[in-house]
Amino acid sequence: MSGFLDPKFAIAYTIILGFAAAYIWNPSETMNGALIAAFAGAWGYYLGSSNSSNQVREQVGKALDIAAANSPAPPSPDVILEPGETAQAKEEK
């Protein structure tokens, strides 16, 4: 998902809007610094989450490909049951 519907974008945008609203209510040097910090943090979160997500997706895909290539074929079943049949286990002595 990308663009405005991306949850990471919505979270980052909400953080920036919250601090911008606080700055409008109380425009001071402290709030100016807080707004800059909120913007930097939200921007870093959005970019970091997007990059990390892409890297994890690629790594998981590679790991699944390697696992599939190196796993043995599943063994064939001893018995194949027809629909409605049930299996009975034999006790070994």
PDB file of N, CA and C in Angstrom:
ATOM      1  N   MET A   1       0.852  -1.170   0.000  1.00  0.00           N
ATOM      2  CA  MET A   1       0.000   0.000   0.000  1.00  0.00           C
ATOM      3  C   MET A   1       0.894   1.227   0.000  1.00  0.00           C
ATOM      4  N   SER A   2       0.541   2.208  -0.799  1.00  0.00           N
ATOM      5  CA  SER A   2       1.367   3.396  -0.857  1.00  0.00           C
ATOM      6  C   SER A   2       0.482   4.627  -0.926  1.00  0.00           C
ATOM      7  N   GLY A   3       1.102   5.765  -0.725  1.00  0.00           N
ATOM      8  CA  GLY A   3       0.379   7.018  -0.821  1.00  0.00           C
ATOM      9  C   GLY A   3      -0.351   7.378   0.456  1.00  0.00           C
ATOM     10  N   PHE A   4      -1.449   8.095   0.295  1.00  0.00           N
ATOM     11  CA  PHE A   4      -2.181   8.617   1.446  1.00  0.00           C
ATOM     12  C   PHE A   4      -2.903   7.528   2.237  1.00  0.00           C
ATOM     13  N   LEU A   5      -3.158   6.369   1.635  1.00  0.00           N
ATOM     14  CA  LEU A   5      -3.850   5.294   2.332  1.00  0.00           C
ATOM     15  C   LEU A   5      -2.913   4.433   3.171  1.00  0.00           C
ATOM     16  N   ASP A   6      -1.632   4.641   3.044  1.00  0.00           N
ATOM     17  CA  ASP A   6      -0.644   3.871   3.795  1.00  0.00           C
ATOM     18  C   ASP A   6      -0.734   4.229   5.280  1.00  0.00           C
ATOM     19  N   PRO A   7      -0.896   3.238   6.172  1.00  0.00           N
ATOM     20  CA  PRO A   7      -0.993   3.542   7.607  1.00  0.00           C
ATOM     21  C   PRO A   7       0.232   4.283   8.146  1.00  0.00           C
ATOM     22  N   LYS A   8       1.411   3.978   7.616  1.00  0.00           N
ATOM     23  CA  LYS A   8       2.622   4.669   8.086  1.00  0.00           C
ATOM     24  C   LYS A   8       2.556   6.159   7.751  1.00  0.00           C
ATOM     25  N   PHE A   9       2.024   6.475   6.580  1.00  0.00           N
ATOM     26  CA  PHE A   9       1.874   7.875   6.191  1.00  0.00           C
ATOM     27  C   PHE A   9       0.859   8.564   7.097  1.00  0.00           C
ATOM     28  N   ALA A  10      -0.243   7.888   7.387  1.00  0.00           N
ATOM     29  CA  ALA A  10      -1.277   8.475   8.240  1.00  0.00           C
ATOM     30  C   ALA A  10      -0.743   8.754   9.640  1.00  0.00           C
ATOM     31  N   ILE A  11       0.053   7.840  10.189  1.00  0.00           N
ATOM     32  CA  ILE A  11       0.630   8.043  11.520  1.00  0.00           C
ATOM     33  C   ILE A  11       1.595   9.223  11.508  1.00  0.00           C
ATOM     34  N   ALA A  12       2.468   9.269  10.524  1.00  0.00           N
ATOM     35  CA  ALA A  12       3.437  10.366  10.435  1.00  0.00           C
ATOM     36  C   ALA A  12       2.720  11.701  10.254  1.00  0.00           C
ATOM     37  N   TYR A  13       1.720  11.731   9.404  1.00  0.00           N
ATOM     38  CA  TYR A  13       0.966  12.962   9.143  1.00  0.00           C
ATOM     39  C   TYR A  13       0.223  13.418  10.400  1.00  0.00           C
ATOM     40  N   THR A  14      -0.343  12.483  11.151  1.00  0.00           N
ATOM     41  CA  THR A  14      -1.065  12.814  12.386  1.00  0.00           C
ATOM     42  C   THR A  14      -0.127  13.418  13.425  1.00  0.00           C
ATOM     43  N   ILE A  15       1.069  12.873  13.550  1.00  0.00           N
ATOM     44  CA  ILE A  15       2.053  13.421  14.501  1.00  0.00           C
ATOM     45  C   ILE A  15       2.400  14.858  14.132  1.00  0.00           C
ATOM     46  N   ILE A  16       2.659  15.083  12.853  1.00  0.00           N
ATOM     47  CA  ILE A  16       3.014  16.435  12.403  1.00  0.00           C
ATOM     48  C   ILE A  16       1.846  17.395  12.626  1.00  0.00           C
ATOM     49  N   LEU A  17       0.625  16.974  12.290  1.00  0.00           N
ATOM     50  CA  LEU A  17      -0.538  17.840  12.487  1.00  0.00           C
ATOM     51  C   LEU A  17      -0.766  18.163  13.958  1.00  0.00           C
ATOM     52  N   GLY A  18      -0.561  17.177  14.832  1.00  0.00           N
ATOM     53  CA  GLY A  18      -0.724  17.423  16.264  1.00  0.00           C
ATOM     54  C   GLY A  18       0.232  18.487  16.781  1.00  0.00           C
ATOM     55  N   PHE A  19       1.475  18.378  16.403  1.00  0.00           N
ATOM     56  CA  PHE A  19       2.445  19.378  16.854  1.00  0.00           C
ATOM     57  C   PHE A  19       2.220  20.723  16.167  1.00  0.00           C
ATOM     58  N   ALA A  20       1.761  20.723  14.917  1.00  0.00           N
ATOM     59  CA  ALA A  20       1.462  21.988  14.241  1.00  0.00           C
ATOM     60  C   ALA A  20       0.303  22.700  14.921  1.00  0.00           C
ATOM     61  N   ALA A  21      -0.722  21.956  15.326  1.00  0.00           N
ATOM     62  CA  ALA A  21      -1.854  22.553  16.036  1.00  0.00           C
ATOM     63  C   ALA A  21      -1.405  23.119  17.378  1.00  0.00           C
ATOM     64  N   ALA A  22      -0.554  22.380  18.077  1.00  0.00           N
ATOM     65  CA  ALA A  22      -0.040  22.880  19.357  1.00  0.00           C
ATOM     66  C   ALA A  22       0.776  24.155  19.146  1.00  0.00           C
ATOM     67  N   TYR A  23       1.511  24.227  18.066  1.00  0.00           N
ATOM     68  CA  TYR A  23       2.308  25.426  17.767  1.00  0.00           C
ATOM     69  C   TYR A  23       1.403  26.621  17.470  1.00  0.00           C
ATOM     70  N   ILE A  24       0.295  26.365  16.766  1.00  0.00           N
ATOM     71  CA  ILE A  24      -0.641  27.453  16.458  1.00  0.00           C
ATOM     72  C   ILE A  24      -1.250  28.012  17.747  1.00  0.00           C
ATOM     73  N   TRP A  25      -1.551  27.141  18.702  1.00  0.00           N
ATOM     74  CA  TRP A  25      -2.137  27.588  19.971  1.00  0.00           C
ATOM     75  C   TRP A  25      -1.119  28.291  20.853  1.00  0.00           C
ATOM     76  N   ASN A  26       0.145  27.894  20.768  1.00  0.00           N
ATOM     77  CA  ASN A  26       1.171  28.473  21.635  1.00  0.00           C
ATOM     78  C   ASN A  26       2.473  28.628  20.833  1.00  0.00           C
ATOM     79  N   PRO A  27       2.555  29.673  19.979  1.00  0.00           N
ATOM     80  CA  PRO A  27       3.765  29.831  19.155  1.00  0.00           C
ATOM     81  C   PRO A  27       4.926  30.361  19.989  1.00  0.00           C
ATOM     82  N   SER A  28       5.787  29.475  20.394  1.00  0.00           N
ATOM     83  CA  SER A  28       6.967  29.862  21.170  1.00  0.00           C
ATOM     84  C   SER A  28       8.182  29.162  20.583  1.00  0.00           C
ATOM     85  N   GLU A  29       9.342  29.525  21.079  1.00  0.00           N
ATOM     86  CA  GLU A  29      10.579  28.886  20.603  1.00  0.00           C
ATOM     87  C   GLU A  29      10.590  27.397  20.964  1.00  0.00           C
ATOM     88  N   THR A  30      10.053  27.064  22.130  1.00  0.00           N
ATOM     89  CA  THR A  30      10.011  25.662  22.550  1.00  0.00           C
ATOM     90  C   THR A  30       9.127  24.849  21.609  1.00  0.00           C
ATOM     91  N   MET A  31       7.955  25.399  21.274  1.00  0.00           N
ATOM     92  CA  MET A  31       7.057  24.693  20.368  1.00  0.00           C
ATOM     93  C   MET A  31       7.628  24.638  18.953  1.00  0.00           C
ATOM     94  N   ASN A  32       8.391  25.645  18.574  1.00  0.00           N
ATOM     95  CA  ASN A  32       9.052  25.636  17.270  1.00  0.00           C
ATOM     96  C   ASN A  32      10.029  24.456  17.200  1.00  0.00           C
ATOM     97  N   GLY A  33      10.816  24.280  18.244  1.00  0.00           N
ATOM     98  CA  GLY A  33      11.750  23.153  18.299  1.00  0.00           C
ATOM     99  C   GLY A  33      11.018  21.820  18.350  1.00  0.00           C
ATOM    100  N   ALA A  34       9.897  21.773  19.100  1.00  0.00           N
ATOM    101  CA  ALA A  34       9.122  20.533  19.182  1.00  0.00           C
ATOM    102  C   ALA A  34       8.510  20.173  17.837  1.00  0.00           C
ATOM    103  N   LEU A  35       8.061  21.174  17.102  1.00  0.00           N
ATOM    104  CA  LEU A  35       7.482  20.926  15.778  1.00  0.00           C
ATOM    105  C   LEU A  35       8.544  20.383  14.821  1.00  0.00           C
ATOM    106  N   ILE A  36       9.727  20.957  14.866  1.00  0.00           N
ATOM    107  CA  ILE A  36      10.826  20.466  14.018  1.00  0.00           C
ATOM    108  C   ILE A  36      11.188  19.033  14.397  1.00  0.00           C
ATOM    109  N   ALA A  37      11.253  18.747  15.697  1.00  0.00           N
ATOM    110  CA  ALA A  37      11.571  17.390  16.152  1.00  0.00           C
ATOM    111  C   ALA A  37      10.476  16.405  15.748  1.00  0.00           C
ATOM    112  N   ALA A  38       9.200  16.824  15.856  1.00  0.00           N
ATOM    113  CA  ALA A  38       8.099  15.945  15.454  1.00  0.00           C
ATOM    114  C   ALA A  38       8.164  15.647  13.962  1.00  0.00           C
ATOM    115  N   PHE A  39       8.444  16.679  13.174  1.00  0.00           N
ATOM    116  CA  PHE A  39       8.548  16.475  11.735  1.00  0.00           C
ATOM    117  C   PHE A  39       9.690  15.508  11.412  1.00  0.00           C
ATOM    118  N   ALA A  40      10.839  15.719  12.030  1.00  0.00           N
ATOM    119  CA  ALA A  40      11.994  14.837  11.778  1.00  0.00           C
ATOM    120  C   ALA A  40      11.703  13.411  12.229  1.00  0.00           C
ATOM    121  N   GLY A  41      11.080  13.266  13.391  1.00  0.00           N
ATOM    122  CA  GLY A  41      10.756  11.927  13.888  1.00  0.00           C
ATOM    123  C   GLY A  41       9.736  11.219  13.016  1.00  0.00           C
ATOM    124  N   ALA A  42       8.691  11.941  12.613  1.00  0.00           N
ATOM    125  CA  ALA A  42       7.663  11.333  11.770  1.00  0.00           C
ATOM    126  C   ALA A  42       8.228  10.969  10.401  1.00  0.00           C
ATOM    127  N   TRP A  43       9.044  11.845   9.844  1.00  0.00           N
ATOM    128  CA  TRP A  43       9.664  11.573   8.542  1.00  0.00           C
ATOM    129  C   TRP A  43      10.578  10.353   8.633  1.00  0.00           C
ATOM    130  N   GLY A  44      11.379  10.293   9.695  1.00  0.00           N
ATOM    131  CA  GLY A  44      12.265   9.145   9.893  1.00  0.00           C
ATOM    132  C   GLY A  44      11.489   7.855  10.097  1.00  0.00           C
ATOM    133  N   TYR A  45      10.389   7.937  10.843  1.00  0.00           N
ATOM    134  CA  TYR A  45       9.551   6.752  11.067  1.00  0.00           C
ATOM    135  C   TYR A  45       8.975   6.264   9.743  1.00  0.00           C
ATOM    136  N   TYR A  46       8.425   7.188   8.953  1.00  0.00           N
ATOM    137  CA  TYR A  46       7.813   6.807   7.682  1.00  0.00           C
ATOM    138  C   TYR A  46       8.842   6.186   6.745  1.00  0.00           C
ATOM    139  N   LEU A  47       9.976   6.839   6.583  1.00  0.00           N
ATOM    140  CA  LEU A  47      11.000   6.306   5.681  1.00  0.00           C
ATOM    141  C   LEU A  47      11.613   5.028   6.229  1.00  0.00           C
ATOM    142  N   GLY A  48      11.898   4.997   7.520  1.00  0.00           N
ATOM    143  CA  GLY A  48      12.494   3.807   8.121  1.00  0.00           C
ATOM    144  C   GLY A  48      11.569   2.615   8.049  1.00  0.00           C
ATOM    145  N   SER A  49      10.294   2.829   8.312  1.00  0.00           N
ATOM    146  CA  SER A  49       9.335   1.728   8.257  1.00  0.00           C
ATOM    147  C   SER A  49       9.200   1.209   6.836  1.00  0.00           C
ATOM    148  N   SER A  50       9.168   2.093   5.874  1.00  0.00           N
ATOM    149  CA  SER A  50       9.022   1.671   4.484  1.00  0.00           C
ATOM    150  C   SER A  50      10.242   0.879   4.024  1.00  0.00           C
ATOM    151  N   ASN A  51      11.433   1.387   4.317  1.00  0.00           N
ATOM    152  CA  ASN A  51      12.656   0.705   3.897  1.00  0.00           C
ATOM    153  C   ASN A  51      12.809  -0.625   4.614  1.00  0.00           C
ATOM    154  N   SER A  52      12.569  -0.637   5.926  1.00  0.00           N
ATOM    155  CA  SER A  52      12.714  -1.875   6.685  1.00  0.00           C
ATOM    156  C   SER A  52      11.706  -2.914   6.217  1.00  0.00           C
ATOM    157  N   SER A  53      10.506  -2.481   5.938  1.00  0.00           N
ATOM    158  CA  SER A  53       9.478  -3.404   5.473  1.00  0.00           C
ATOM    159  C   SER A  53       9.878  -4.035   4.149  1.00  0.00           C
ATOM    160  N   ASN A  54      10.392  -3.246   3.244  1.00  0.00           N
ATOM    161  CA  ASN A  54      10.825  -3.779   1.949  1.00  0.00           C
ATOM    162  C   ASN A  54      11.986  -4.746   2.109  1.00  0.00           C
ATOM    163  N   GLN A  55      12.938  -4.419   2.979  1.00  0.00           N
ATOM    164  CA  GLN A  55      14.089  -5.299   3.193  1.00  0.00           C
ATOM    165  C   GLN A  55      13.650  -6.629   3.809  1.00  0.00           C
ATOM    166  N   VAL A  56      12.754  -6.570   4.780  1.00  0.00           N
ATOM    167  CA  VAL A  56      12.276  -7.798   5.421  1.00  0.00           C
ATOM    168  C   VAL A  56      11.535  -8.658   4.402  1.00  0.00           C
ATOM    169  N   ARG A  57      10.698  -8.046   3.582  1.00  0.00           N
ATOM    170  CA  ARG A  57       9.943  -8.779   2.568  1.00  0.00           C
ATOM    171  C   ARG A  57      10.890  -9.492   1.616  1.00  0.00           C
ATOM    172  N   GLU A  58      11.948  -8.802   1.187  1.00  0.00           N
ATOM    173  CA  GLU A  58      12.916  -9.418   0.277  1.00  0.00           C
ATOM    174  C   GLU A  58      13.660 -10.564   0.950  1.00  0.00           C
ATOM    175  N   GLN A  59      14.070 -10.383   2.203  1.00  0.00           N
ATOM    176  CA  GLN A  59      14.803 -11.423   2.915  1.00  0.00           C
ATOM    177  C   GLN A  59      13.939 -12.652   3.155  1.00  0.00           C
ATOM    178  N   VAL A  60      12.682 -12.453   3.520  1.00  0.00           N
ATOM    179  CA  VAL A  60      11.783 -13.584   3.745  1.00  0.00           C
ATOM    180  C   VAL A  60      11.553 -14.333   2.436  1.00  0.00           C
ATOM    181  N   GLY A  61      11.388 -13.607   1.348  1.00  0.00           N
ATOM    182  CA  GLY A  61      11.215 -14.254   0.053  1.00  0.00           C
ATOM    183  C   GLY A  61      12.416 -15.101  -0.328  1.00  0.00           C
ATOM    184  N   LYS A  62      13.608 -14.571  -0.111  1.00  0.00           N
ATOM    185  CA  LYS A  62      14.828 -15.328  -0.407  1.00  0.00           C
ATOM    186  C   LYS A  62      14.939 -16.562   0.482  1.00  0.00           C
ATOM    187  N   ALA A  63      14.618 -16.406   1.766  1.00  0.00           N
ATOM    188  CA  ALA A  63      14.695 -17.542   2.694  1.00  0.00           C
ATOM    189  C   ALA A  63      13.706 -18.638   2.304  1.00  0.00           C
ATOM    190  N   LEU A  64      12.500 -18.257   1.890  1.00  0.00           N
ATOM    191  CA  LEU A  64      11.523 -19.261   1.460  1.00  0.00           C
ATOM    192  C   LEU A  64      11.969 -19.966   0.190  1.00  0.00           C
ATOM    193  N   ASP A  65      12.585 -19.234  -0.736  1.00  0.00           N
ATOM    194  CA  ASP A  65      13.093 -19.849  -1.955  1.00  0.00           C
ATOM    195  C   ASP A  65      14.196 -20.861  -1.641  1.00  0.00           C
ATOM    196  N   ILE A  66      15.101 -20.502  -0.738  1.00  0.00           N
ATOM    197  CA  ILE A  66      16.196 -21.401  -0.350  1.00  0.00           C
ATOM    198  C   ILE A  66      15.640 -22.638   0.346  1.00  0.00           C
ATOM    199  N   ALA A  67      14.672 -22.433   1.257  1.00  0.00           N
ATOM    200  CA  ALA A  67      14.088 -23.565   1.978  1.00  0.00           C
ATOM    201  C   ALA A  67      13.361 -24.507   1.026  1.00  0.00           C
ATOM    202  N   ALA A  68      12.648 -23.956   0.064  1.00  0.00           N
ATOM    203  CA  ALA A  68      11.924 -24.799  -0.889  1.00  0.00           C
ATOM    204  C   ALA A  68      12.890 -25.582  -1.776  1.00  0.00           C
ATOM    205  N   ALA A  69      13.991 -24.949  -2.149  1.00  0.00           N
ATOM    206  CA  ALA A  69      14.966 -25.622  -3.017  1.00  0.00           C
ATOM    207  C   ALA A  69      15.707 -26.737  -2.283  1.00  0.00           C
ATOM    208  N   ASN A  70      15.892 -26.604  -0.974  1.00  0.00           N
ATOM    209  CA  ASN A  70      16.692 -27.572  -0.222  1.00  0.00           C
ATOM    210  C   ASN A  70      15.874 -28.586   0.557  1.00  0.00           C
ATOM    211  N   SER A  71      14.566 -28.492   0.535  1.00  0.00           N
ATOM    212  CA  SER A  71      13.763 -29.445   1.309  1.00  0.00           C
ATOM    213  C   SER A  71      13.508 -30.701   0.480  1.00  0.00           C
ATOM    214  N   PRO A  72      13.527 -31.859   1.117  1.00  0.00           N
ATOM    215  CA  PRO A  72      13.275 -33.103   0.382  1.00  0.00           C
ATOM    216  C   PRO A  72      11.794 -33.196   0.000  1.00  0.00           C
ATOM    217  N   ALA A  73      11.527 -34.020  -0.985  1.00  0.00           N
ATOM    218  CA  ALA A  73      10.140 -34.232  -1.403  1.00  0.00           C
ATOM    219  C   ALA A  73       9.388 -34.943  -0.281  1.00  0.00           C
ATOM    220  N   PRO A  74       8.130 -34.623  -0.082  1.00  0.00           N
ATOM    221  CA  PRO A  74       7.381 -35.300   0.980  1.00  0.00           C
ATOM    222  C   PRO A  74       7.206 -36.775   0.645  1.00  0.00           C
ATOM    223  N   PRO A  75       7.214 -37.644   1.663  1.00  0.00           N
ATOM    224  CA  PRO A  75       7.065 -39.075   1.398  1.00  0.00           C
ATOM    225  C   PRO A  75       5.650 -39.381   0.896  1.00  0.00           C
ATOM    226  N   SER A  76       5.547 -40.430   0.095  1.00  0.00           N
ATOM    227  CA  SER A  76       4.228 -40.831  -0.392  1.00  0.00           C
ATOM    228  C   SER A  76       3.478 -41.538   0.742  1.00  0.00           C
ATOM    229  N   PRO A  77       2.165 -41.409   0.782  1.00  0.00           N
ATOM    230  CA  PRO A  77       1.403 -42.028   1.871  1.00  0.00           C
ATOM    231  C   PRO A  77       1.380 -43.548   1.730  1.00  0.00           C
ATOM    232  N   ASP A  78       1.258 -44.247   2.877  1.00  0.00           N
ATOM    233  CA  ASP A  78       1.178 -45.714   2.874  1.00  0.00           C
ATOM    234  C   ASP A  78      -0.173 -46.185   2.343  1.00  0.00           C
ATOM    235  N   VAL A  79      -1.216 -45.457   2.699  1.00  0.00           N
ATOM    236  CA  VAL A  79      -2.567 -45.843   2.326  1.00  0.00           C
ATOM    237  C   VAL A  79      -3.298 -44.596   1.845  1.00  0.00           C
ATOM    238  N   ILE A  80      -4.108 -44.769   0.825  1.00  0.00           N
ATOM    239  CA  ILE A  80      -4.949 -43.676   0.362  1.00  0.00           C
ATOM    240  C   ILE A  80      -6.397 -44.054   0.663  1.00  0.00           C
ATOM    241  N   LEU A  81      -7.058 -43.228   1.450  1.00  0.00           N
ATOM    242  CA  LEU A  81      -8.434 -43.503   1.831  1.00  0.00           C
ATOM    243  C   LEU A  81      -9.390 -42.894   0.817  1.00  0.00           C
ATOM    244  N   GLU A  82     -10.465 -43.606   0.560  1.00  0.00           N
ATOM    245  CA  GLU A  82     -11.533 -43.105  -0.295  1.00  0.00           C
ATOM    246  C   GLU A  82     -12.458 -42.244   0.566  1.00  0.00           C
ATOM    247  N   PRO A  83     -13.214 -41.353  -0.046  1.00  0.00           N
ATOM    248  CA  PRO A  83     -14.149 -40.534   0.736  1.00  0.00           C
ATOM    249  C   PRO A  83     -15.096 -41.408   1.556  1.00  0.00           C
ATOM    250  N   GLY A  84     -15.221 -41.079   2.816  1.00  0.00           N
ATOM    251  CA  GLY A  84     -16.091 -41.820   3.730  1.00  0.00           C
ATOM    252  C   GLY A  84     -15.379 -42.925   4.488  1.00  0.00           C
ATOM    253  N   GLU A  85     -14.196 -43.324   4.089  1.00  0.00           N
ATOM    254  CA  GLU A  85     -13.459 -44.381   4.786  1.00  0.00           C
ATOM    255  C   GLU A  85     -12.725 -43.799   5.987  1.00  0.00           C
ATOM    256  N   THR A  86     -12.508 -44.613   6.977  1.00  0.00           N
ATOM    257  CA  THR A  86     -11.717 -44.207   8.136  1.00  0.00           C
ATOM    258  C   THR A  86     -10.556 -45.172   8.292  1.00  0.00           C
ATOM    259  N   ALA A  87      -9.508 -44.706   8.882  1.00  0.00           N
ATOM    260  CA  ALA A  87      -8.316 -45.529   9.072  1.00  0.00           C
ATOM    261  C   ALA A  87      -8.393 -46.230  10.419  1.00  0.00           C
ATOM    262  N   GLN A  88      -7.926 -47.452  10.455  1.00  0.00           N
ATOM    263  CA  GLN A  88      -7.851 -48.220  11.695  1.00  0.00           C
ATOM    264  C   GLN A  88      -6.373 -48.524  11.973  1.00  0.00           C
ATOM    265  N   ALA A  89      -5.929 -48.151  13.145  1.00  0.00           N
ATOM    266  CA  ALA A  89      -4.532 -48.403  13.517  1.00  0.00           C
ATOM    267  C   ALA A  89      -4.398 -49.797  14.100  1.00  0.00           C
ATOM    268  N   LYS A  90      -3.344 -50.496  13.740  1.00  0.00           N
ATOM    269  CA  LYS A  90      -3.079 -51.827  14.272  1.00  0.00           C
ATOM    270  C   LYS A  90      -2.083 -51.698  15.407  1.00  0.00           C
ATOM    271  N   GLU A  91      -2.310 -52.477  16.429  1.00  0.00           N
ATOM    272  CA  GLU A  91      -1.375 -52.495  17.553  1.00  0.00           C
ATOM    273  C   GLU A  91      -0.247 -53.444  17.228  1.00  0.00           C
ATOM    274  N   GLU A  92       0.983 -52.992  17.467  1.00  0.00           N
ATOM    275  CA  GLU A  92       2.127 -53.855  17.260  1.00  0.00           C
ATOM    276  C   GLU A  92       2.522 -54.466  18.602  1.00  0.00           C
ATOM    277  N   LYS A  93       2.834 -55.756  18.575  1.00  0.00           N
ATOM    278  CA  LYS A  93       3.218 -56.441  19.820  1.00  0.00           C
ATOM    279  C   LYS A  93       4.666 -56.741  19.826  1.00  0.00           C
TER     280      LYS A  93
END
